[in-house]
Every structure is written in structure tokens, then in C-alpha cells.
Amino acid sequence: MKKIVTLEDALKRVEELEKENVELRAELEYYRNRKLSGRQKHNAK
């Protein structure tokens, strides 16, 4: 990773990271909400 010199470069990098963060949060939400397949334990019984 290169060193950020100017304020404009820093703001561009922040914008890129925020966009990446939104994408990763959406992916994480997908994995949290999906149903697990396969045999499930019946702990409540």
C-alpha cells in the first residue's frame, strides 16, 4: 500500500473503503440470514 500524500488522495481512499465496507456488510448479512442445510440438532426436545 502506498503512502497517501494529499488530502484529495485520502478522501478518495476513504470513499473506496466505505464502498467496500457496504459490499462486505451486505455479504455478511446474506450469510447471517441464510438457512443452514443438512441435519439439525434438536436441542429443544
PDB file of N, CA and C in Angstrom:
ATOM      1  N   MET A   1       0.846  -1.179   0.000  1.00  0.00           N
ATOM      2  CA  MET A   1       0.000   0.000   0.000  1.00  0.00           C
ATOM      3  C   MET A   1       0.888   1.236   0.000  1.00  0.00           C
ATOM      4  N   LYS A   2       0.585   2.156  -0.886  1.00  0.00           N
ATOM      5  CA  LYS A   2       1.394   3.363  -0.983  1.00  0.00           C
ATOM      6  C   LYS A   2       0.986   4.387   0.063  1.00  0.00           C
ATOM      7  N   LYS A   3       1.883   5.274   0.364  1.00  0.00           N
ATOM      8  CA  LYS A   3       1.616   6.304   1.358  1.00  0.00           C
ATOM      9  C   LYS A   3       0.764   7.410   0.736  1.00  0.00           C
ATOM     10  N   ILE A   4      -0.250   7.852   1.475  1.00  0.00           N
ATOM     11  CA  ILE A   4      -1.144   8.907   0.994  1.00  0.00           C
ATOM     12  C   ILE A   4      -0.511  10.264   1.296  1.00  0.00           C
ATOM     13  N   VAL A   5      -0.402  11.101   0.260  1.00  0.00           N
ATOM     14  CA  VAL A   5       0.296  12.372   0.399  1.00  0.00           C
ATOM     15  C   VAL A   5      -0.671  13.543   0.537  1.00  0.00           C
ATOM     16  N   THR A   6      -1.702  13.576  -0.294  1.00  0.00           N
ATOM     17  CA  THR A   6      -2.573  14.746  -0.311  1.00  0.00           C
ATOM     18  C   THR A   6      -3.926  14.435   0.301  1.00  0.00           C
ATOM     19  N   LEU A   7      -4.633  15.479   0.647  1.00  0.00           N
ATOM     20  CA  LEU A   7      -5.968  15.345   1.211  1.00  0.00           C
ATOM     21  C   LEU A   7      -6.926  14.734   0.189  1.00  0.00           C
ATOM     22  N   GLU A   8      -6.785  15.095  -1.069  1.00  0.00           N
ATOM     23  CA  GLU A   8      -7.646  14.546  -2.113  1.00  0.00           C
ATOM     24  C   GLU A   8      -7.463  13.036  -2.218  1.00  0.00           C
ATOM     25  N   ASP A   9      -6.212  12.576  -2.158  1.00  0.00           N
ATOM     26  CA  ASP A   9      -5.948  11.139  -2.210  1.00  0.00           C
ATOM     27  C   ASP A   9      -6.561  10.439  -1.001  1.00  0.00           C
ATOM     28  N   ALA A  10      -6.450  11.070   0.151  1.00  0.00           N
ATOM     29  CA  ALA A  10      -7.011  10.481   1.365  1.00  0.00           C
ATOM     30  C   ALA A  10      -8.527  10.374   1.261  1.00  0.00           C
ATOM     31  N   LEU A  11      -9.181  11.392   0.732  1.00  0.00           N
ATOM     32  CA  LEU A  11     -10.634  11.364   0.592  1.00  0.00           C
ATOM     33  C   LEU A  11     -11.080  10.311  -0.413  1.00  0.00           C
ATOM     34  N   LYS A  12     -10.313  10.142  -1.505  1.00  0.00           N
ATOM     35  CA  LYS A  12     -10.625   9.103  -2.485  1.00  0.00           C
ATOM     36  C   LYS A  12     -10.512   7.725  -1.841  1.00  0.00           C
ATOM     37  N   ARG A  13      -9.464   7.536  -1.038  1.00  0.00           N
ATOM     38  CA  ARG A  13      -9.245   6.250  -0.372  1.00  0.00           C
ATOM     39  C   ARG A  13     -10.369   5.957   0.627  1.00  0.00           C
ATOM     40  N   VAL A  14     -10.796   6.978   1.367  1.00  0.00           N
ATOM     41  CA  VAL A  14     -11.889   6.818   2.316  1.00  0.00           C
ATOM     42  C   VAL A  14     -13.166   6.418   1.586  1.00  0.00           C
ATOM     43  N   GLU A  15     -13.431   7.055   0.457  1.00  0.00           N
ATOM     44  CA  GLU A  15     -14.622   6.733  -0.335  1.00  0.00           C
ATOM     45  C   GLU A  15     -14.569   5.288  -0.831  1.00  0.00           C
ATOM     46  N   GLU A  16     -13.397   4.854  -1.298  1.00  0.00           N
ATOM     47  CA  GLU A  16     -13.234   3.471  -1.760  1.00  0.00           C
ATOM     48  C   GLU A  16     -13.488   2.492  -0.617  1.00  0.00           C
ATOM     49  N   LEU A  17     -12.939   2.789   0.543  1.00  0.00           N
ATOM     50  CA  LEU A  17     -13.094   1.894   1.684  1.00  0.00           C
ATOM     51  C   LEU A  17     -14.538   1.842   2.170  1.00  0.00           C
ATOM     52  N   GLU A  18     -15.235   2.974   2.126  1.00  0.00           N
ATOM     53  CA  GLU A  18     -16.634   2.985   2.534  1.00  0.00           C
ATOM     54  C   GLU A  18     -17.481   2.142   1.591  1.00  0.00           C
ATOM     55  N   LYS A  19     -17.197   2.240   0.280  1.00  0.00           N
ATOM     56  CA  LYS A  19     -17.929   1.438  -0.698  1.00  0.00           C
ATOM     57  C   LYS A  19     -17.660  -0.056  -0.472  1.00  0.00           C
ATOM     58  N   GLU A  20     -16.403  -0.397  -0.230  1.00  0.00           N
ATOM     59  CA  GLU A  20     -16.047  -1.787   0.029  1.00  0.00           C
ATOM     60  C   GLU A  20     -16.724  -2.284   1.310  1.00  0.00           C
ATOM     61  N   ASN A  21     -16.798  -1.419   2.307  1.00  0.00           N
ATOM     62  CA  ASN A  21     -17.421  -1.776   3.568  1.00  0.00           C
ATOM     63  C   ASN A  21     -18.902  -2.088   3.382  1.00  0.00           C
ATOM     64  N   VAL A  22     -19.596  -1.303   2.560  1.00  0.00           N
ATOM     65  CA  VAL A  22     -21.015  -1.547   2.285  1.00  0.00           C
ATOM     66  C   VAL A  22     -21.190  -2.908   1.619  1.00  0.00           C
ATOM     67  N   GLU A  23     -20.334  -3.218   0.655  1.00  0.00           N
ATOM     68  CA  GLU A  23     -20.424  -4.502  -0.037  1.00  0.00           C
ATOM     69  C   GLU A  23     -20.188  -5.661   0.926  1.00  0.00           C
ATOM     70  N   LEU A  24     -19.198  -5.516   1.801  1.00  0.00           N
ATOM     71  CA  LEU A  24     -18.889  -6.594   2.737  1.00  0.00           C
ATOM     72  C   LEU A  24     -19.999  -6.770   3.775  1.00  0.00           C
ATOM     73  N   ARG A  25     -20.617  -5.674   4.198  1.00  0.00           N
ATOM     74  CA  ARG A  25     -21.738  -5.782   5.140  1.00  0.00           C
ATOM     75  C   ARG A  25     -22.922  -6.498   4.499  1.00  0.00           C
ATOM     76  N   ALA A  26     -23.177  -6.234   3.212  1.00  0.00           N
ATOM     77  CA  ALA A  26     -24.256  -6.914   2.509  1.00  0.00           C
ATOM     78  C   ALA A  26     -23.966  -8.410   2.411  1.00  0.00           C
ATOM     79  N   GLU A  27     -22.729  -8.756   2.120  1.00  0.00           N
ATOM     80  CA  GLU A  27     -22.350 -10.164   2.042  1.00  0.00           C
ATOM     81  C   GLU A  27     -22.484 -10.839   3.408  1.00  0.00           C
ATOM     82  N   LEU A  28     -22.071 -10.158   4.448  1.00  0.00           N
ATOM     83  CA  LEU A  28     -22.181 -10.690   5.798  1.00  0.00           C
ATOM     84  C   LEU A  28     -23.644 -10.919   6.181  1.00  0.00           C
ATOM     85  N   GLU A  29     -24.498  -9.986   5.834  1.00  0.00           N
ATOM     86  CA  GLU A  29     -25.927 -10.112   6.126  1.00  0.00           C
ATOM     87  C   GLU A  29     -26.515 -11.317   5.398  1.00  0.00           C
ATOM     88  N   TYR A  30     -26.068 -11.555   4.171  1.00  0.00           N
ATOM     89  CA  TYR A  30     -26.519 -12.718   3.413  1.00  0.00           C
ATOM     90  C   TYR A  30     -26.179 -14.003   4.161  1.00  0.00           C
ATOM     91  N   TYR A  31     -24.943 -14.109   4.639  1.00  0.00           N
ATOM     92  CA  TYR A  31     -24.527 -15.323   5.328  1.00  0.00           C
ATOM     93  C   TYR A  31     -25.198 -15.467   6.687  1.00  0.00           C
ATOM     94  N   ARG A  32     -25.525 -14.377   7.348  1.00  0.00           N
ATOM     95  CA  ARG A  32     -26.225 -14.446   8.629  1.00  0.00           C
ATOM     96  C   ARG A  32     -27.658 -14.949   8.446  1.00  0.00           C
ATOM     97  N   ASN A  33     -28.307 -14.547   7.346  1.00  0.00           N
ATOM     98  CA  ASN A  33     -29.725 -14.833   7.154  1.00  0.00           C
ATOM     99  C   ASN A  33     -30.016 -16.140   6.425  1.00  0.00           C
ATOM    100  N   ARG A  34     -29.021 -16.775   5.863  1.00  0.00           N
ATOM    101  CA  ARG A  34     -29.323 -17.982   5.102  1.00  0.00           C
ATOM    102  C   ARG A  34     -29.625 -19.149   6.041  1.00  0.00           C
ATOM    103  N   LYS A  35     -30.456 -20.044   5.554  1.00  0.00           N
ATOM    104  CA  LYS A  35     -30.788 -21.224   6.346  1.00  0.00           C
ATOM    105  C   LYS A  35     -29.656 -22.229   6.208  1.00  0.00           C
ATOM    106  N   LEU A  36     -29.337 -22.851   7.313  1.00  0.00           N
ATOM    107  CA  LEU A  36     -28.300 -23.876   7.276  1.00  0.00           C
ATOM    108  C   LEU A  36     -28.921 -25.174   6.776  1.00  0.00           C
ATOM    109  N   SER A  37     -28.265 -25.801   5.845  1.00  0.00           N
ATOM    110  CA  SER A  37     -28.801 -27.044   5.301  1.00  0.00           C
ATOM    111  C   SER A  37     -28.177 -28.223   6.033  1.00  0.00           C
ATOM    112  N   GLY A  38     -28.770 -29.369   5.829  1.00  0.00           N
ATOM    113  CA  GLY A  38     -28.250 -30.573   6.450  1.00  0.00           C
ATOM    114  C   GLY A  38     -28.970 -30.905   7.740  1.00  0.00           C
ATOM    115  N   ARG A  39     -28.497 -31.911   8.408  1.00  0.00           N
ATOM    116  CA  ARG A  39     -29.126 -32.394   9.633  1.00  0.00           C
ATOM    117  C   ARG A  39     -28.950 -31.372  10.754  1.00  0.00           C
ATOM    118  N   GLN A  40     -30.040 -31.060  11.421  1.00  0.00           N
ATOM    119  CA  GLN A  40     -30.022 -30.103  12.518  1.00  0.00           C
ATOM    120  C   GLN A  40     -30.209 -30.822  13.850  1.00  0.00           C
ATOM    121  N   LYS A  41     -29.568 -30.325  14.876  1.00  0.00           N
ATOM    122  CA  LYS A  41     -29.764 -30.896  16.212  1.00  0.00           C
ATOM    123  C   LYS A  41     -31.110 -30.440  16.745  1.00  0.00           C
ATOM    124  N   HIS A  42     -31.714 -31.283  17.551  1.00  0.00           N
ATOM    125  CA  HIS A  42     -32.993 -30.975  18.153  1.00  0.00           C
ATOM    126  C   HIS A  42     -32.775 -30.750  19.655  1.00  0.00           C
ATOM    127  N   ASN A  43     -32.190 -29.627  20.000  1.00  0.00           N
ATOM    128  CA  ASN A  43     -31.866 -29.349  21.380  1.00  0.00           C
ATOM    129  C   ASN A  43     -33.099 -29.051  22.226  1.00  0.00           C
ATOM    130  N   ALA A  44     -34.180 -28.571  21.595  1.00  0.00           N
ATOM    131  CA  ALA A  44     -35.371 -28.193  22.352  1.00  0.00           C
ATOM    132  C   ALA A  44     -36.118 -29.409  22.883  1.00  0.00           C
ATOM    133  N   LYS A  45     -35.953 -30.573  22.277  1.00  0.00           N
ATOM    134  CA  LYS A  45     -36.714 -31.774  22.693  1.00  0.00           C
ATOM    135  C   LYS A  45     -36.213 -32.316  24.007  1.00  0.00           C
TER     136      LYS A  45
END
